[in-house]
Amino acid sequence: MCDQVGHASLGVAVDVYHVWWEPGLAEQIAALGREERLLAFHICDFKAETTHLLLDRGLMGEGVIPVRSIRQAVEAAGFGGPVEVEIFSERWWAAEQSVFLREIVKAAAASA
């Protein structure tokens, strides 16, 4: 799609919440790396027992997304930029934010 648009600086953000079920994901990520189109990486988790499709994302390890293997594919494709943790969660937003931040750091490290 980036090539069809024809803009050399156009790229893709791999957001695990939106692509984890995708057949051939590792190959698609590798192609993004070869084409230098991989510009961002977003992580969170999809909880099998979710209460809301948008506002109940889990910390990495709370759900079913193979975050570690996707992260390995992203890194193997040459991505070395920042990893954005994207937890849209009414439950976590209502929690003490210093606790939430500590849990994010712990979950991100465990998914590396």
N, C-alpha and C. Protein backbone atom coordinates (compact mmCIF):
# COMPACT_ATOMS: atom_id res chain seq x y z
N MET A 1 0.82 -1.18 0.00
CA MET A 1 0.00 0.00 0.00
C MET A 1 0.88 1.26 0.00
N CYS A 2 1.96 1.23 0.78
CA CYS A 2 2.86 2.39 0.81
C CYS A 2 3.41 2.68 -0.58
N ASP A 3 3.80 1.62 -1.29
CA ASP A 3 4.35 1.80 -2.63
C ASP A 3 3.30 2.36 -3.59
N GLN A 4 2.05 1.94 -3.42
CA GLN A 4 0.99 2.44 -4.28
C GLN A 4 0.76 3.93 -4.08
N VAL A 5 0.90 4.39 -2.84
CA VAL A 5 0.75 5.81 -2.57
C VAL A 5 1.93 6.56 -3.20
N GLY A 6 3.10 5.91 -3.17
CA GLY A 6 4.24 6.46 -3.86
C GLY A 6 5.07 7.47 -3.11
N HIS A 7 4.88 7.55 -1.83
CA HIS A 7 5.66 8.50 -1.03
C HIS A 7 6.77 7.74 -0.31
N ALA A 8 8.01 8.11 -0.57
CA ALA A 8 9.16 7.36 -0.05
C ALA A 8 9.23 7.33 1.47
N SER A 9 8.73 8.35 2.15
CA SER A 9 8.84 8.40 3.61
C SER A 9 7.63 7.80 4.32
N LEU A 10 6.69 7.24 3.58
CA LEU A 10 5.50 6.63 4.16
C LEU A 10 5.86 5.27 4.75
N GLY A 11 5.31 4.97 5.92
CA GLY A 11 5.61 3.69 6.54
C GLY A 11 4.46 3.19 7.38
N VAL A 12 4.76 2.18 8.19
CA VAL A 12 3.75 1.46 8.93
C VAL A 12 4.11 1.39 10.41
N ALA A 13 3.08 1.49 11.24
CA ALA A 13 3.22 1.20 12.67
C ALA A 13 2.66 -0.19 12.89
N VAL A 14 3.47 -1.08 13.41
CA VAL A 14 2.98 -2.41 13.78
C VAL A 14 2.40 -2.30 15.18
N ASP A 15 1.08 -2.42 15.27
CA ASP A 15 0.35 -2.34 16.52
C ASP A 15 -0.19 -3.74 16.80
N VAL A 16 0.38 -4.42 17.79
CA VAL A 16 0.04 -5.82 18.03
C VAL A 16 -1.45 -6.04 18.22
N TYR A 17 -2.16 -5.08 18.80
CA TYR A 17 -3.59 -5.23 19.05
C TYR A 17 -4.38 -5.40 17.76
N HIS A 18 -3.86 -4.85 16.68
CA HIS A 18 -4.59 -4.87 15.41
C HIS A 18 -4.07 -5.90 14.40
N VAL A 19 -2.94 -6.54 14.68
CA VAL A 19 -2.36 -7.45 13.68
C VAL A 19 -2.01 -8.84 14.19
N TRP A 20 -2.16 -9.11 15.47
CA TRP A 20 -1.62 -10.35 16.04
C TRP A 20 -2.18 -11.62 15.41
N TRP A 21 -3.36 -11.60 14.87
CA TRP A 21 -4.00 -12.78 14.28
C TRP A 21 -3.68 -12.93 12.79
N GLU A 22 -3.00 -12.00 12.23
CA GLU A 22 -2.76 -11.90 10.79
C GLU A 22 -1.92 -13.08 10.28
N PRO A 23 -2.42 -13.86 9.30
CA PRO A 23 -1.60 -14.92 8.71
C PRO A 23 -0.36 -14.33 8.04
N GLY A 24 0.77 -14.96 8.21
CA GLY A 24 1.99 -14.49 7.57
C GLY A 24 2.54 -13.21 8.16
N LEU A 25 2.21 -12.91 9.42
CA LEU A 25 2.62 -11.65 10.03
C LEU A 25 4.14 -11.49 10.05
N ALA A 26 4.86 -12.54 10.41
CA ALA A 26 6.33 -12.43 10.48
C ALA A 26 6.92 -12.08 9.12
N GLU A 27 6.37 -12.67 8.06
CA GLU A 27 6.86 -12.37 6.72
C GLU A 27 6.53 -10.94 6.31
N GLN A 28 5.35 -10.48 6.69
CA GLN A 28 4.97 -9.10 6.37
C GLN A 28 5.86 -8.10 7.11
N ILE A 29 6.17 -8.41 8.37
CA ILE A 29 7.06 -7.54 9.14
C ILE A 29 8.45 -7.54 8.52
N ALA A 30 8.93 -8.70 8.10
CA ALA A 30 10.25 -8.78 7.47
C ALA A 30 10.29 -7.94 6.20
N ALA A 31 9.22 -7.98 5.43
CA ALA A 31 9.16 -7.18 4.19
C ALA A 31 9.18 -5.69 4.52
N LEU A 32 8.49 -5.29 5.57
CA LEU A 32 8.52 -3.88 5.99
C LEU A 32 9.94 -3.44 6.32
N GLY A 33 10.69 -4.33 6.96
CA GLY A 33 12.07 -4.02 7.30
C GLY A 33 12.94 -3.89 6.06
N ARG A 34 12.78 -4.81 5.13
CA ARG A 34 13.56 -4.75 3.89
C ARG A 34 13.28 -3.48 3.11
N GLU A 35 12.04 -3.03 3.16
CA GLU A 35 11.63 -1.83 2.42
C GLU A 35 11.79 -0.56 3.25
N GLU A 36 12.32 -0.69 4.46
CA GLU A 36 12.49 0.44 5.38
C GLU A 36 11.18 1.19 5.59
N ARG A 37 10.11 0.43 5.77
CA ARG A 37 8.77 1.00 5.98
C ARG A 37 8.27 0.81 7.41
N LEU A 38 9.05 0.16 8.27
CA LEU A 38 8.65 -0.10 9.64
C LEU A 38 9.06 1.09 10.51
N LEU A 39 8.08 1.90 10.91
CA LEU A 39 8.37 3.17 11.57
C LEU A 39 8.00 3.21 13.05
N ALA A 40 7.13 2.31 13.51
CA ALA A 40 6.70 2.35 14.90
C ALA A 40 6.25 0.97 15.34
N PHE A 41 6.30 0.74 16.65
CA PHE A 41 5.89 -0.54 17.23
C PHE A 41 5.10 -0.27 18.50
N HIS A 42 3.85 -0.74 18.54
CA HIS A 42 2.96 -0.52 19.68
C HIS A 42 2.62 -1.86 20.32
N ILE A 43 2.69 -1.91 21.66
CA ILE A 43 2.39 -3.16 22.35
C ILE A 43 1.32 -2.98 23.43
N CYS A 44 0.58 -4.05 23.65
CA CYS A 44 -0.42 -4.21 24.70
C CYS A 44 -0.84 -5.67 24.62
N ASP A 45 -1.98 -6.02 25.17
CA ASP A 45 -2.46 -7.39 25.05
C ASP A 45 -3.97 -7.41 24.90
N PHE A 46 -4.47 -8.46 24.26
CA PHE A 46 -5.91 -8.67 24.07
C PHE A 46 -6.36 -9.71 25.07
N LYS A 47 -7.23 -9.30 25.96
CA LYS A 47 -7.72 -10.21 27.00
C LYS A 47 -8.86 -11.06 26.45
N ALA A 48 -8.75 -12.37 26.61
CA ALA A 48 -9.79 -13.27 26.11
C ALA A 48 -11.13 -12.98 26.78
N GLU A 49 -11.10 -12.57 28.02
CA GLU A 49 -12.31 -12.24 28.78
C GLU A 49 -12.47 -10.72 28.84
N THR A 50 -12.46 -10.06 27.72
CA THR A 50 -12.52 -8.60 27.67
C THR A 50 -13.92 -8.09 28.02
N THR A 51 -13.96 -6.91 28.61
CA THR A 51 -15.24 -6.28 28.92
C THR A 51 -15.58 -5.20 27.90
N HIS A 52 -14.59 -4.78 27.10
CA HIS A 52 -14.81 -3.73 26.10
C HIS A 52 -13.70 -3.85 25.05
N LEU A 53 -14.06 -3.89 23.78
CA LEU A 53 -13.05 -4.10 22.73
C LEU A 53 -12.04 -2.98 22.62
N LEU A 54 -12.40 -1.76 22.98
CA LEU A 54 -11.46 -0.66 22.88
C LEU A 54 -10.83 -0.31 24.23
N LEU A 55 -11.63 -0.31 25.29
CA LEU A 55 -11.16 0.24 26.56
C LEU A 55 -10.88 -0.81 27.63
N ASP A 56 -10.51 -2.01 27.20
CA ASP A 56 -10.13 -3.06 28.15
C ASP A 56 -8.90 -3.81 27.65
N ARG A 57 -7.94 -3.08 27.12
CA ARG A 57 -6.70 -3.71 26.69
C ARG A 57 -5.90 -4.10 27.93
N GLY A 58 -5.15 -5.19 27.79
CA GLY A 58 -4.36 -5.65 28.91
C GLY A 58 -2.90 -5.28 28.80
N LEU A 59 -2.24 -5.36 29.94
CA LEU A 59 -0.78 -5.28 29.94
C LEU A 59 -0.24 -6.52 29.24
N MET A 60 0.94 -6.41 28.70
CA MET A 60 1.55 -7.54 28.03
C MET A 60 1.63 -8.71 29.02
N GLY A 61 1.12 -9.88 28.58
CA GLY A 61 1.10 -11.05 29.44
C GLY A 61 -0.27 -11.30 30.07
N GLU A 62 -1.19 -10.35 29.97
CA GLU A 62 -2.53 -10.53 30.53
C GLU A 62 -3.49 -11.18 29.53
N GLY A 63 -3.04 -11.35 28.31
CA GLY A 63 -3.96 -11.84 27.28
C GLY A 63 -3.34 -12.87 26.37
N VAL A 64 -3.80 -12.86 25.13
CA VAL A 64 -3.48 -13.93 24.19
C VAL A 64 -2.52 -13.53 23.06
N ILE A 65 -2.11 -12.27 22.99
CA ILE A 65 -1.22 -11.84 21.92
C ILE A 65 0.20 -12.36 22.17
N PRO A 66 0.82 -12.99 21.18
CA PRO A 66 2.22 -13.44 21.34
C PRO A 66 3.18 -12.25 21.17
N VAL A 67 3.14 -11.34 22.13
CA VAL A 67 3.89 -10.09 22.04
C VAL A 67 5.38 -10.35 21.84
N ARG A 68 5.95 -11.30 22.59
CA ARG A 68 7.39 -11.56 22.50
C ARG A 68 7.78 -11.98 21.08
N SER A 69 7.03 -12.89 20.47
CA SER A 69 7.42 -13.35 19.12
C SER A 69 7.22 -12.25 18.08
N ILE A 70 6.19 -11.44 18.24
CA ILE A 70 6.01 -10.32 17.30
C ILE A 70 7.14 -9.32 17.49
N ARG A 71 7.50 -9.06 18.73
CA ARG A 71 8.61 -8.14 19.01
C ARG A 71 9.91 -8.66 18.40
N GLN A 72 10.14 -9.96 18.50
CA GLN A 72 11.35 -10.55 17.91
C GLN A 72 11.35 -10.36 16.40
N ALA A 73 10.20 -10.51 15.75
CA ALA A 73 10.11 -10.30 14.30
C ALA A 73 10.38 -8.84 13.94
N VAL A 74 9.84 -7.92 14.74
CA VAL A 74 10.05 -6.49 14.50
C VAL A 74 11.53 -6.13 14.65
N GLU A 75 12.16 -6.65 15.70
CA GLU A 75 13.59 -6.37 15.90
C GLU A 75 14.44 -7.03 14.83
N ALA A 76 14.08 -8.25 14.41
CA ALA A 76 14.83 -8.94 13.34
C ALA A 76 14.70 -8.18 12.02
N ALA A 77 13.61 -7.45 11.85
CA ALA A 77 13.40 -6.66 10.63
C ALA A 77 14.20 -5.36 10.66
N GLY A 78 14.90 -5.10 11.76
CA GLY A 78 15.76 -3.93 11.83
C GLY A 78 15.20 -2.75 12.59
N PHE A 79 14.02 -2.91 13.17
CA PHE A 79 13.44 -1.79 13.92
C PHE A 79 14.18 -1.62 15.24
N GLY A 80 14.67 -0.42 15.48
CA GLY A 80 15.37 -0.14 16.72
C GLY A 80 14.83 1.08 17.43
N GLY A 81 13.67 1.52 17.01
CA GLY A 81 13.07 2.71 17.62
C GLY A 81 12.38 2.40 18.92
N PRO A 82 11.74 3.40 19.47
CA PRO A 82 11.05 3.20 20.75
C PRO A 82 9.84 2.27 20.60
N VAL A 83 9.56 1.54 21.66
CA VAL A 83 8.39 0.68 21.72
C VAL A 83 7.32 1.43 22.51
N GLU A 84 6.18 1.65 21.89
CA GLU A 84 5.11 2.40 22.54
C GLU A 84 4.14 1.44 23.20
N VAL A 85 3.97 1.59 24.51
CA VAL A 85 2.98 0.81 25.25
C VAL A 85 1.66 1.56 25.15
N GLU A 86 0.64 0.86 24.68
CA GLU A 86 -0.63 1.50 24.38
C GLU A 86 -1.76 0.76 25.12
N ILE A 87 -1.92 1.07 26.40
CA ILE A 87 -2.92 0.40 27.23
C ILE A 87 -4.15 1.30 27.37
N PHE A 88 -5.15 1.05 26.54
CA PHE A 88 -6.43 1.75 26.69
C PHE A 88 -7.25 0.90 27.65
N SER A 89 -7.37 1.32 28.89
CA SER A 89 -8.01 0.49 29.90
C SER A 89 -8.64 1.35 30.99
N GLU A 90 -9.94 1.31 31.05
CA GLU A 90 -10.63 2.03 32.12
C GLU A 90 -10.19 1.52 33.49
N ARG A 91 -9.95 0.22 33.58
CA ARG A 91 -9.50 -0.38 34.85
C ARG A 91 -8.15 0.18 35.25
N TRP A 92 -7.18 0.18 34.34
CA TRP A 92 -5.85 0.69 34.67
C TRP A 92 -5.85 2.21 34.84
N TRP A 93 -6.65 2.92 34.07
CA TRP A 93 -6.70 4.38 34.21
C TRP A 93 -7.23 4.78 35.59
N ALA A 94 -8.12 3.94 36.15
CA ALA A 94 -8.70 4.23 37.47
C ALA A 94 -7.74 3.88 38.61
N ALA A 95 -6.70 3.11 38.31
CA ALA A 95 -5.75 2.68 39.33
C ALA A 95 -4.78 3.82 39.68
N GLU A 96 -4.09 3.65 40.78
CA GLU A 96 -3.02 4.58 41.16
C GLU A 96 -2.00 4.57 40.02
N GLN A 97 -1.70 5.73 39.45
CA GLN A 97 -0.87 5.80 38.25
C GLN A 97 0.57 5.38 38.47
N SER A 98 1.11 5.55 39.66
CA SER A 98 2.47 5.08 39.91
C SER A 98 2.51 3.55 39.90
N VAL A 99 1.45 2.92 40.37
CA VAL A 99 1.34 1.45 40.32
C VAL A 99 1.21 1.01 38.86
N PHE A 100 0.36 1.70 38.12
CA PHE A 100 0.17 1.40 36.70
C PHE A 100 1.49 1.48 35.95
N LEU A 101 2.25 2.52 36.19
CA LEU A 101 3.54 2.69 35.52
C LEU A 101 4.50 1.56 35.88
N ARG A 102 4.57 1.19 37.15
CA ARG A 102 5.44 0.07 37.56
C ARG A 102 5.03 -1.22 36.86
N GLU A 103 3.73 -1.45 36.74
CA GLU A 103 3.24 -2.66 36.08
C GLU A 103 3.55 -2.63 34.58
N ILE A 104 3.46 -1.47 33.97
CA ILE A 104 3.83 -1.33 32.55
C ILE A 104 5.30 -1.71 32.35
N VAL A 105 6.15 -1.15 33.17
CA VAL A 105 7.60 -1.41 33.05
C VAL A 105 7.88 -2.90 33.23
N LYS A 106 7.26 -3.52 34.22
CA LYS A 106 7.47 -4.95 34.47
C LYS A 106 6.96 -5.80 33.31
N ALA A 107 5.76 -5.50 32.81
CA ALA A 107 5.18 -6.27 31.71
C ALA A 107 5.96 -6.08 30.41
N ALA A 108 6.42 -4.86 30.16
CA ALA A 108 7.21 -4.60 28.94
C ALA A 108 8.53 -5.37 28.98
N ALA A 109 9.17 -5.38 30.13
CA ALA A 109 10.44 -6.11 30.26
C ALA A 109 10.22 -7.61 30.07
N ALA A 110 9.12 -8.14 30.61
CA ALA A 110 8.84 -9.56 30.47
C ALA A 110 8.50 -9.96 29.04
N SER A 111 8.04 -9.00 28.24
CA SER A 111 7.68 -9.31 26.85
C SER A 111 8.83 -9.12 25.88
N ALA A 112 9.96 -8.67 26.38
CA ALA A 112 11.13 -8.40 25.52
C ALA A 112 11.85 -9.68 25.12
